């Protein structure tokens, strides 16, 4: 018998047994045989594989009606965690044209559509984004969007777990005028037992410093401490936000927001215009950076990720929305993050001088700089990349375990050991950190639910009635939304 994270006691529902489970020991991940017990949406027990396979324990589990799925040599790995996204923008894929990216895509593109969103739109659009997420092995999202209750219900319908941050705005933006309603929605989500059992939690979601007042930021900071909830916000995401901060925060944007949220556990999305000093300040108090590299390539400027790493800051990967990224595949972001040292070296002053002059001594200086940067920025490590992609810093914000461990959400992938994307299979961590392995997912487990064991993950989702009906309704609602927003011809 086991006690789950909600305090109830019950038998294990099912066991997943693998000879190649990726577990964390200390600061590294190791591969070893394991049997993972699942109760409800959570992992209740992790044993050595042979501890369960021995006759008496195995027979006892079967006698209790506990399902046993033994996958043999097929690897068992945590599912990916999308650390910052807006699934409700999924149907707006491709809307950020080159002309629109020359402007502020948040206020001059997304807001145009979002002002016309209906709650039912958000529910259907989020469900579509959630189903797409599952196909790439994402089992958990940190979603920040309007109509938070609808977002939470859509995740439950799709079978995706997540932390929902209903968007809070009271100065400007599509949510202006609904701050009290979304604040109460945050509390509702955090306290709803049905959502908890489905692996859904809550975070306070101030949109950004230029759309949220000092009074609302202070209220959020107090609520986060009182209710032990994390905060999920955009910060320094546009030049316009920085400009708005100039006359409002005498001490600078980072310190100004910190004054209201200093005691909270905070996830900062983007941070495009944070200074070195602000990176050090926020990293040192334990704030987590949500880094969305492919989305930022579309924005036109990357965050000061190197500065955050040098400050020892914790970070996670996100896709942002498909309207800015075209993808909800977290694994796709990993090699870009792993190449941060190459980016820093490529845009260093010595490299610039080498390109301009072509002199041999500048080439030597550039190579010296490259070697120094690689030695300093260690993010290329598979362990560090997967720690971020598997959501370990976010689990700390929630106050819960991550990965394959007792008390963690039962979210993981069983991979096909014979799939070519895993070949030769002797460095599974490297393959997951730098490869493209969604095609190797044999089946997925989210919130304790097995997805794709019989027909395969892709076919089970795409052939499901839920997906077919969602696509039809999302297409109709997208056309209506763009028409209402005056974007139908773009």
Protein backbone atom coordinates (compact mmCIF):
# COMPACT_ATOMS: atom_id res chain seq x y z
CA UNK A 1 0.00 0.00 0.00
CA UNK A 2 1.21 3.48 -0.79
CA UNK A 3 0.38 7.03 0.18
CA UNK A 4 0.08 9.35 -2.80
CA UNK A 5 0.80 13.07 -2.94
CA UNK A 6 -2.80 13.94 -2.07
CA UNK A 7 -2.61 11.97 1.16
CA UNK A 8 -4.91 9.11 0.15
CA UNK A 9 -3.86 5.50 0.52
CA UNK A 10 -4.39 2.86 -2.14
CA UNK A 11 -2.84 0.02 -4.07
CA UNK A 12 -0.63 0.64 -7.06
CA UNK A 13 -2.73 0.91 -10.22
CA UNK A 14 0.01 -0.30 -12.58
CA UNK A 15 3.70 -0.96 -12.88
CA UNK A 16 5.94 -0.04 -15.78
CA UNK A 17 9.08 -2.19 -15.78
CA UNK A 18 12.16 -1.47 -17.90
CA UNK A 19 15.76 -2.66 -18.00
CA UNK A 20 16.81 0.85 -19.10
CA UNK A 21 15.09 3.44 -16.93
CA UNK A 22 16.66 6.90 -16.75
CA UNK A 23 16.75 7.91 -13.10
CA UNK A 24 18.46 10.81 -11.38
CA UNK A 25 21.06 10.12 -8.73
CA UNK A 26 22.64 13.22 -7.25
CA UNK A 27 23.29 15.66 -10.07
CA UNK A 28 23.43 13.13 -12.91
CA UNK A 29 21.10 10.74 -14.69
CA UNK A 30 21.88 7.05 -14.78
CA UNK A 31 20.42 4.14 -16.70
CA UNK A 32 19.39 1.11 -14.69
CA UNK A 33 16.60 -1.51 -14.44
CA UNK A 34 13.57 -0.19 -12.56
CA UNK A 35 9.92 -0.90 -11.83
CA UNK A 36 7.80 2.23 -11.53
CA UNK A 37 4.58 2.00 -9.52
CA UNK A 38 1.76 4.40 -10.45
CA UNK A 39 -1.14 5.39 -8.21
CA UNK A 40 -3.57 7.78 -9.84
CA UNK A 41 -1.66 10.54 -11.64
CA UNK A 42 1.51 10.13 -9.59
CA UNK A 43 4.46 7.81 -9.13
CA UNK A 44 4.06 6.08 -5.79
CA UNK A 45 7.04 3.71 -5.78
CA UNK A 46 10.26 3.02 -7.68
CA UNK A 47 11.90 -0.39 -7.23
CA UNK A 48 14.68 -2.29 -8.90
CA UNK A 49 13.20 -4.26 -11.79
CA UNK A 50 14.18 -7.61 -10.27
CA UNK A 51 12.57 -6.64 -6.97
CA UNK A 52 9.21 -6.77 -8.74
CA UNK A 53 10.00 -9.58 -11.16
CA UNK A 54 10.81 -12.05 -8.41
CA UNK A 55 7.94 -14.50 -8.25
CA UNK A 56 6.30 -13.65 -4.94
CA UNK A 57 6.19 -9.87 -5.44
CA UNK A 58 5.01 -10.25 -9.03
CA UNK A 59 2.25 -12.70 -8.07
CA UNK A 60 1.19 -10.47 -5.18
CA UNK A 61 0.82 -7.48 -7.52
CA UNK A 62 -1.28 -9.51 -9.94
CA UNK A 63 -3.43 -10.82 -7.09
CA UNK A 64 -4.17 -7.21 -6.09
CA UNK A 65 -5.24 -6.43 -9.63
CA UNK A 66 -2.22 -4.24 -10.36
CA UNK A 67 -1.45 -4.08 -14.07
CA UNK A 68 2.15 -4.90 -15.01
CA UNK A 69 3.63 -3.63 -18.27
CA UNK A 70 7.13 -5.06 -18.72
CA UNK A 71 8.87 -3.37 -21.68
CA UNK A 72 12.15 -5.28 -21.30
CA UNK A 73 15.07 -3.47 -22.94
CA UNK A 74 13.00 -0.57 -24.28
CA UNK A 75 14.14 2.65 -22.54
CA UNK A 76 11.96 4.45 -20.01
CA UNK A 77 12.58 8.22 -19.87
CA UNK A 78 10.78 11.19 -18.29
CA UNK A 79 8.50 13.04 -20.69
CA UNK A 80 9.47 16.57 -21.68
CA UNK A 81 8.19 19.64 -19.86
CA UNK A 82 7.28 22.78 -21.79
CA UNK A 83 8.36 25.52 -19.39
CA UNK A 84 6.57 28.41 -21.08
CA UNK A 85 3.77 28.28 -23.59
CA UNK A 86 0.38 29.61 -24.64
CA UNK A 87 -1.41 26.60 -26.08
CA UNK A 88 -4.49 28.70 -26.78
CA UNK A 89 -2.61 30.41 -29.60
CA UNK A 90 -2.06 27.11 -31.41
CA UNK A 91 -4.44 27.87 -34.31
CA UNK A 92 -2.60 31.11 -35.12
CA UNK A 93 0.43 29.27 -36.48
CA UNK A 94 2.04 31.36 -39.21
CA UNK A 95 0.35 34.64 -38.31
CA UNK A 96 3.64 36.35 -37.45
CA UNK A 97 4.70 37.30 -40.96
CA UNK A 98 8.01 39.03 -41.64
CA UNK A 99 6.20 42.37 -41.77
CA UNK A 100 4.61 41.74 -38.38
CA UNK A 101 7.90 40.64 -36.81
CA UNK A 102 9.34 44.07 -37.63
CA UNK A 103 6.89 45.45 -35.04
CA UNK A 104 5.96 44.39 -31.50
CA UNK A 105 4.30 41.04 -32.23
CA UNK A 106 2.80 40.88 -28.73
CA UNK A 107 0.88 44.15 -28.74
CA UNK A 108 0.46 44.61 -32.51
CA UNK A 109 -0.40 41.04 -33.55
CA UNK A 110 -1.37 38.72 -30.71
CA UNK A 111 -3.38 41.31 -28.80
CA UNK A 112 -5.38 42.10 -31.96
CA UNK A 113 -6.69 38.54 -32.06
CA UNK A 114 -6.84 37.94 -28.31
CA UNK A 115 -9.18 40.87 -27.68
CA UNK A 116 -11.82 38.89 -29.58
CA UNK A 117 -11.28 35.51 -27.93
CA UNK A 118 -14.25 33.73 -26.39
CA UNK A 119 -13.84 31.31 -23.46
CA UNK A 120 -14.95 28.43 -25.69
CA UNK A 121 -12.30 29.42 -28.26
CA UNK A 122 -9.57 29.10 -25.64
CA UNK A 123 -10.81 25.71 -24.52
CA UNK A 124 -10.84 24.24 -28.03
CA UNK A 125 -7.60 25.88 -29.13
CA UNK A 126 -5.81 24.78 -25.94
CA UNK A 127 -7.06 21.22 -26.38
CA UNK A 128 -5.65 21.17 -29.91
CA UNK A 129 -2.27 22.46 -28.68
CA UNK A 130 -2.29 19.91 -25.86
CA UNK A 131 -2.86 17.00 -28.24
CA UNK A 132 -0.07 18.26 -30.49
CA UNK A 133 2.24 18.48 -27.47
CA UNK A 134 1.67 14.84 -26.58
CA UNK A 135 2.85 13.72 -30.02
CA UNK A 136 6.38 15.02 -29.34
CA UNK A 137 6.62 13.46 -25.89
CA UNK A 138 5.62 16.50 -23.82
CA UNK A 139 3.77 15.40 -20.69
CA UNK A 140 3.59 18.68 -18.78
CA UNK A 141 3.20 22.34 -19.72
CA UNK A 142 3.46 25.63 -17.88
CA UNK A 143 0.75 27.53 -19.69
CA UNK A 144 0.08 31.25 -19.32
CA UNK A 145 -3.16 32.41 -20.94
CA UNK A 146 -6.55 34.04 -20.71
CA UNK A 147 -9.62 32.24 -19.33
CA UNK A 148 -7.57 30.03 -17.02
CA UNK A 149 -10.39 27.70 -16.04
CA UNK A 150 -10.94 26.83 -19.70
CA UNK A 151 -7.22 26.15 -20.11
CA UNK A 152 -7.26 23.79 -17.13
CA UNK A 153 -10.31 21.89 -18.39
CA UNK A 154 -8.81 21.58 -21.86
CA UNK A 155 -5.65 20.01 -20.41
CA UNK A 156 -7.75 17.48 -18.52
CA UNK A 157 -9.72 16.64 -21.67
CA UNK A 158 -6.51 16.05 -23.63
CA UNK A 159 -4.83 14.14 -20.79
CA UNK A 160 -1.91 16.58 -20.49
CA UNK A 161 -0.69 17.73 -17.08
CA UNK A 162 0.38 21.27 -16.33
CA UNK A 163 0.61 24.36 -14.20
CA UNK A 164 -1.91 26.94 -15.38
CA UNK A 165 -1.29 30.66 -14.94
CA UNK A 166 -4.45 32.63 -15.82
CA UNK A 167 -3.25 35.86 -17.42
CA UNK A 168 -3.56 38.89 -15.13
CA UNK A 169 -3.66 42.39 -16.63
CA UNK A 170 -5.07 45.67 -15.31
CA UNK A 171 -3.24 48.43 -17.22
CA UNK A 172 -3.65 47.27 -20.80
CA UNK A 173 -4.01 44.16 -22.92
CA UNK A 174 -6.91 41.80 -23.75
CA UNK A 175 -7.29 40.75 -20.10
CA UNK A 176 -7.68 44.29 -18.79
CA UNK A 177 -10.85 44.45 -16.71
CA UNK A 178 -10.81 40.74 -15.86
CA UNK A 179 -7.99 40.71 -13.30
CA UNK A 180 -10.24 39.89 -10.32
CA UNK A 181 -11.92 37.07 -12.20
CA UNK A 182 -8.62 35.51 -13.28
CA UNK A 183 -7.13 35.98 -9.81
CA UNK A 184 -10.02 33.98 -8.39
CA UNK A 185 -9.61 31.41 -11.17
CA UNK A 186 -6.01 30.92 -10.04
CA UNK A 187 -7.16 30.13 -6.51
CA UNK A 188 -9.92 27.86 -7.81
CA UNK A 189 -7.51 25.82 -9.94
CA UNK A 190 -5.06 25.48 -7.05
CA UNK A 191 -7.72 24.17 -4.67
CA UNK A 192 -9.80 21.96 -6.96
CA UNK A 193 -9.36 18.31 -6.01
CA UNK A 194 -10.44 17.01 -9.40
CA UNK A 195 -7.80 19.08 -11.16
CA UNK A 196 -5.17 17.96 -8.65
CA UNK A 197 -6.00 14.32 -9.37
CA UNK A 198 -5.51 15.06 -13.08
CA UNK A 199 -2.09 16.59 -12.45
CA UNK A 200 -3.16 20.23 -12.85
CA UNK A 201 -1.81 22.94 -10.55
CA UNK A 202 -1.83 26.74 -10.62
CA UNK A 203 0.50 29.72 -10.71
CA UNK A 204 -0.20 33.42 -10.56
CA UNK A 205 0.22 34.85 -14.05
CA UNK A 206 0.91 38.59 -14.25
CA UNK A 207 1.35 39.21 -17.96
CA UNK A 208 4.26 41.68 -17.97
CA UNK A 209 5.42 44.78 -16.13
CA UNK A 210 3.90 47.14 -18.69
CA UNK A 211 0.40 45.61 -18.48
CA UNK A 212 0.23 45.04 -14.70
CA UNK A 213 0.09 47.79 -12.09
CA UNK A 214 2.23 48.02 -8.96
CA UNK A 215 -0.88 47.38 -6.87
CA UNK A 216 -1.70 44.15 -8.73
CA UNK A 217 1.94 43.00 -8.60
CA UNK A 218 1.91 43.52 -4.82
CA UNK A 219 -1.37 41.63 -4.51
CA UNK A 220 0.10 38.77 -6.52
CA UNK A 221 3.26 38.74 -4.42
CA UNK A 222 1.22 38.53 -1.23
CA UNK A 223 -1.05 35.82 -2.66
CA UNK A 224 1.91 33.76 -3.85
CA UNK A 225 3.37 33.65 -0.36
CA UNK A 226 0.02 33.14 1.38
CA UNK A 227 -1.14 30.33 -0.91
CA UNK A 228 2.32 28.85 -1.61
CA UNK A 229 1.88 29.27 -5.37
CA UNK A 230 4.58 30.12 -7.92
CA UNK A 231 4.47 33.18 -10.17
CA UNK A 232 4.84 32.92 -13.95
CA UNK A 233 5.36 36.18 -15.85
CA UNK A 234 6.96 37.74 -18.91
CA UNK A 235 9.75 40.15 -18.11
CA UNK A 236 11.81 42.49 -20.31
CA UNK A 237 10.25 40.89 -23.38
CA UNK A 238 10.06 44.02 -25.56
CA UNK A 239 11.65 47.42 -26.05
CA UNK A 240 8.24 48.95 -25.32
CA UNK A 241 8.15 47.26 -21.92
CA UNK A 242 11.59 48.64 -21.13
CA UNK A 243 10.50 52.10 -22.21
CA UNK A 244 7.40 51.93 -19.99
CA UNK A 245 9.60 50.95 -17.05
CA UNK A 246 11.86 53.97 -17.43
CA UNK A 247 9.53 56.42 -15.74
CA UNK A 248 8.00 53.87 -13.39
CA UNK A 249 10.88 51.97 -11.79
CA UNK A 250 13.67 54.34 -10.77
CA UNK A 251 15.86 51.42 -9.75
CA UNK A 252 15.41 49.55 -13.04
CA UNK A 253 12.93 46.99 -14.33
CA UNK A 254 14.35 43.92 -12.57
CA UNK A 255 14.61 45.58 -9.18
CA UNK A 256 11.23 47.27 -9.62
CA UNK A 257 9.38 44.00 -10.20
CA UNK A 258 11.48 42.27 -7.55
CA UNK A 259 10.19 44.73 -4.97
CA UNK A 260 6.71 43.20 -5.25
CA UNK A 261 7.68 39.57 -5.82
CA UNK A 262 10.82 39.22 -3.72
CA UNK A 263 9.42 36.48 -1.48
CA UNK A 264 7.73 34.56 -4.28
CA UNK A 265 8.98 31.62 -6.34
CA UNK A 266 9.13 33.03 -9.85
CA UNK A 267 9.41 31.78 -13.42
CA UNK A 268 10.57 34.58 -15.76
CA UNK A 269 9.78 34.12 -19.44
CA UNK A 270 12.15 35.55 -22.07
CA UNK A 271 14.07 38.30 -20.22
CA UNK A 272 15.26 39.58 -23.62
CA UNK A 273 16.48 42.95 -22.35
CA UNK A 274 17.74 42.06 -18.88
CA UNK A 275 21.17 43.47 -18.09
CA UNK A 276 24.07 41.45 -16.69
CA UNK A 277 23.41 42.99 -13.28
CA UNK A 278 19.72 42.11 -13.40
CA UNK A 279 20.53 38.54 -14.44
CA UNK A 280 22.83 38.20 -11.44
CA UNK A 281 20.28 39.77 -9.11
CA UNK A 282 17.36 37.56 -10.18
CA UNK A 283 19.41 34.39 -10.55
CA UNK A 284 20.88 34.74 -7.08
CA UNK A 285 17.48 34.80 -5.41
CA UNK A 286 16.43 31.62 -7.21
CA UNK A 287 14.18 32.90 -10.00
CA UNK A 288 13.97 30.53 -12.96
CA UNK A 289 14.44 31.69 -16.56
CA UNK A 290 12.06 30.28 -19.17
CA UNK A 291 14.27 30.23 -22.28
CA UNK A 292 12.43 29.91 -25.62
CA UNK A 293 15.20 30.09 -28.23
CA UNK A 294 13.28 29.30 -31.41
CA UNK A 295 10.53 31.73 -30.52
CA UNK A 296 13.15 34.38 -29.80
CA UNK A 297 14.69 33.80 -33.22
CA UNK A 298 11.34 34.91 -34.61
CA UNK A 299 11.17 37.89 -32.24
CA UNK A 300 14.52 38.94 -33.65
CA UNK A 301 16.64 38.99 -30.48
CA UNK A 302 17.79 36.28 -28.05
CA UNK A 303 17.77 36.60 -24.28
CA UNK A 304 21.08 37.11 -22.44
CA UNK A 305 21.23 33.38 -21.73
CA UNK A 306 25.00 33.39 -21.27
CA UNK A 307 24.72 36.07 -18.59
CA UNK A 308 22.07 34.01 -16.80
CA UNK A 309 24.24 30.88 -16.94
CA UNK A 310 27.33 32.72 -15.72
CA UNK A 311 25.27 33.98 -12.77
CA UNK A 312 24.44 30.37 -11.88
CA UNK A 313 20.76 30.85 -12.64
CA UNK A 314 18.28 28.00 -12.97
CA UNK A 315 16.51 27.71 -16.30
CA UNK A 316 14.04 25.64 -18.28
CA UNK A 317 13.10 25.37 -21.92
CA UNK A 318 9.84 26.50 -23.46
CA UNK A 319 8.45 26.79 -26.95
CA UNK A 320 6.32 29.89 -26.33
CA UNK A 321 3.29 29.77 -28.66
CA UNK A 322 3.17 28.24 -32.11
CA UNK A 323 2.19 31.65 -33.47
CA UNK A 324 5.79 32.71 -32.80
CA UNK A 325 7.59 29.37 -33.05
CA UNK A 326 5.49 27.05 -35.27
CA UNK A 327 6.32 24.13 -32.96
CA UNK A 328 5.44 22.73 -29.53
CA UNK A 329 8.34 20.26 -29.56
CA UNK A 330 10.59 20.95 -26.55
CA UNK A 331 13.25 18.50 -27.74
CA UNK A 332 13.75 20.73 -30.79
CA UNK A 333 14.96 23.53 -28.47
CA UNK A 334 17.64 21.44 -26.77
CA UNK A 335 20.49 21.54 -29.34
CA UNK A 336 20.09 25.30 -29.68
CA UNK A 337 20.49 25.75 -25.92
CA UNK A 338 23.41 23.33 -25.95
CA UNK A 339 25.13 25.52 -28.55
CA UNK A 340 25.11 28.64 -26.38
CA UNK A 341 28.90 28.69 -26.14
CA UNK A 342 29.16 28.73 -29.94
CA UNK A 343 26.71 31.63 -30.10
CA UNK A 344 28.64 33.59 -27.48
CA UNK A 345 31.95 32.96 -29.27
CA UNK A 346 30.51 33.82 -32.69
CA UNK A 347 29.32 37.23 -31.53
CA UNK A 348 32.27 38.07 -29.29
CA UNK A 349 34.32 41.23 -29.96
CA UNK A 350 37.37 39.18 -30.96
CA UNK A 351 35.36 37.23 -33.53
CA UNK A 352 33.95 40.48 -34.91
CA UNK A 353 37.45 41.90 -35.30
CA UNK A 354 38.59 38.72 -37.05
CA UNK A 355 35.75 38.97 -39.56
CA UNK A 356 36.49 42.64 -40.23
CA UNK A 357 40.28 42.42 -40.55
CA UNK A 358 40.96 38.81 -41.53
CA UNK A 359 44.32 39.08 -39.72
CA UNK A 360 45.94 35.91 -38.42
CA UNK A 361 46.55 37.36 -34.96
CA UNK A 362 42.82 38.17 -34.71
CA UNK A 363 42.04 34.57 -35.70
CA UNK A 364 44.27 33.38 -32.85
CA UNK A 365 42.55 35.78 -30.45
CA UNK A 366 39.13 34.61 -31.61
CA UNK A 367 40.11 30.96 -31.10
CA UNK A 368 41.40 31.74 -27.62
CA UNK A 369 38.10 33.43 -26.79
CA UNK A 370 36.17 30.43 -28.12
CA UNK A 371 38.09 28.03 -25.91
CA UNK A 372 37.58 30.23 -22.85
CA UNK A 373 33.85 30.52 -23.46
CA UNK A 374 33.43 26.77 -23.94
CA UNK A 375 35.28 26.19 -20.67
CA UNK A 376 33.04 28.66 -18.87
CA UNK A 377 29.66 27.77 -20.35
CA UNK A 378 29.03 24.09 -19.64
CA UNK A 379 25.42 23.94 -20.84
CA UNK A 380 26.34 21.54 -23.67
CA UNK A 381 26.27 18.72 -21.09
CA UNK A 382 23.46 16.26 -21.78
CA UNK A 383 22.72 16.10 -18.06
CA UNK A 384 22.22 19.86 -17.77
CA UNK A 385 20.10 20.05 -20.91
CA UNK A 386 17.83 17.22 -19.84
CA UNK A 387 17.53 18.56 -16.32
CA UNK A 388 15.96 21.66 -17.88
CA UNK A 389 13.89 19.78 -20.48
CA UNK A 390 12.53 17.40 -17.83
CA UNK A 391 11.45 20.32 -15.65
CA UNK A 392 13.52 19.88 -12.51
CA UNK A 393 13.71 23.63 -11.68
CA UNK A 394 9.95 23.96 -12.23
CA UNK A 395 9.23 21.07 -9.88
CA UNK A 396 11.17 23.01 -7.25
CA UNK A 397 8.87 25.99 -7.84
CA UNK A 398 5.86 23.71 -7.31
CA UNK A 399 7.48 22.09 -4.31
CA UNK A 400 7.29 18.60 -5.86
CA UNK A 401 9.67 15.94 -7.20
CA UNK A 402 10.50 15.68 -10.91
CA UNK A 403 11.50 12.89 -13.25
CA UNK A 404 10.97 9.25 -12.37
CA UNK A 405 10.73 9.45 -8.59
CA UNK A 406 8.11 8.84 -5.88
CA UNK A 407 5.71 11.76 -5.61
CA UNK A 408 6.40 13.02 -9.13
CA UNK A 409 3.75 13.18 -11.81
CA UNK A 410 3.54 9.84 -13.65
CA UNK A 411 4.71 11.32 -16.96
CA UNK A 412 7.20 9.37 -19.02
CA UNK A 413 7.97 7.86 -22.41
CA UNK A 414 8.68 4.27 -23.35
CA UNK A 415 10.97 4.33 -26.39
CA UNK A 416 11.48 1.70 -29.06
CA UNK A 417 15.07 0.48 -28.59
CA UNK A 418 15.21 -0.63 -32.25
CA UNK A 419 14.13 2.70 -33.73
CA UNK A 420 16.83 4.21 -36.00
CA UNK A 421 16.75 7.58 -34.20
CA UNK A 422 18.14 5.82 -31.10
CA UNK A 423 20.83 3.83 -32.91
CA UNK A 424 23.38 2.74 -31.76
CA UNK A 425 21.80 3.22 -28.34
CA UNK A 426 24.98 3.33 -26.27
CA UNK A 427 24.49 6.97 -25.14
CA UNK A 428 20.80 7.44 -24.56
CA UNK A 429 21.21 10.74 -22.73
CA UNK A 430 23.16 12.29 -25.60
CA UNK A 431 20.55 11.05 -28.08
CA UNK A 432 17.66 12.54 -26.12
CA UNK A 433 19.49 15.84 -25.64
CA UNK A 434 20.58 16.34 -29.26
CA UNK A 435 18.44 14.01 -31.34
CA UNK A 436 14.91 13.96 -32.72
CA UNK A 437 13.25 10.95 -31.17
CA UNK A 438 9.50 11.56 -31.19
CA UNK A 439 9.17 8.83 -33.82
CA UNK A 440 10.72 6.38 -31.35
CA UNK A 441 8.02 6.86 -28.71
CA UNK A 442 6.49 3.42 -28.30
CA UNK A 443 3.91 4.73 -25.87
CA UNK A 444 3.48 7.66 -23.50
CA UNK A 445 2.25 7.84 -19.92
CA UNK A 446 0.69 11.11 -18.74
CA UNK A 447 -0.98 11.53 -15.36
CA UNK A 448 -0.68 7.76 -15.00
CA UNK A 449 -2.65 7.12 -18.19
CA UNK A 450 -1.06 4.92 -20.87
CA UNK A 451 -1.31 6.45 -24.34
CA UNK A 452 -0.61 4.53 -27.55
CA UNK A 453 0.34 1.11 -26.21
CA UNK A 454 -1.77 -0.77 -28.76
CA UNK A 455 -2.01 1.37 -31.88
CA UNK A 456 0.99 3.60 -31.30
CA UNK A 457 0.92 7.13 -29.89
CA UNK A 458 0.42 8.98 -33.17
CA UNK A 459 -2.37 6.78 -34.44
CA UNK A 460 -4.17 6.65 -31.09
CA UNK A 461 -4.30 10.45 -30.90
CA UNK A 462 -4.94 11.29 -34.55
CA UNK A 463 -7.59 8.59 -34.96
CA UNK A 464 -9.39 9.52 -31.75
CA UNK A 465 -12.82 11.08 -31.86
CA UNK A 466 -11.59 13.81 -29.52
CA UNK A 467 -8.88 14.91 -31.96
CA UNK A 468 -11.10 14.76 -35.04
CA UNK A 469 -13.84 16.81 -33.39
CA UNK A 470 -11.31 19.27 -31.96
CA UNK A 471 -9.73 19.93 -35.36
CA UNK A 472 -13.08 20.58 -37.00
CA UNK A 473 -14.21 22.96 -34.27
CA UNK A 474 -10.82 24.70 -34.02
CA UNK A 475 -10.82 25.38 -37.76
CA UNK A 476 -14.28 26.92 -37.61
CA UNK A 477 -13.47 29.00 -34.54
CA UNK A 478 -10.18 30.19 -36.07
CA UNK A 479 -11.99 31.53 -39.13
CA UNK A 480 -14.54 33.30 -36.94
CA UNK A 481 -11.87 34.75 -34.65
CA UNK A 482 -9.74 36.15 -37.46
CA UNK A 483 -12.86 37.64 -39.04
CA UNK A 484 -13.89 39.36 -35.79
CA UNK A 485 -10.34 40.65 -35.30
CA UNK A 486 -10.05 41.96 -38.84
CA UNK A 487 -7.18 39.60 -39.62
CA UNK A 488 -9.01 37.28 -42.00
CA UNK A 489 -7.25 38.59 -45.11
CA UNK A 490 -3.72 38.25 -43.71
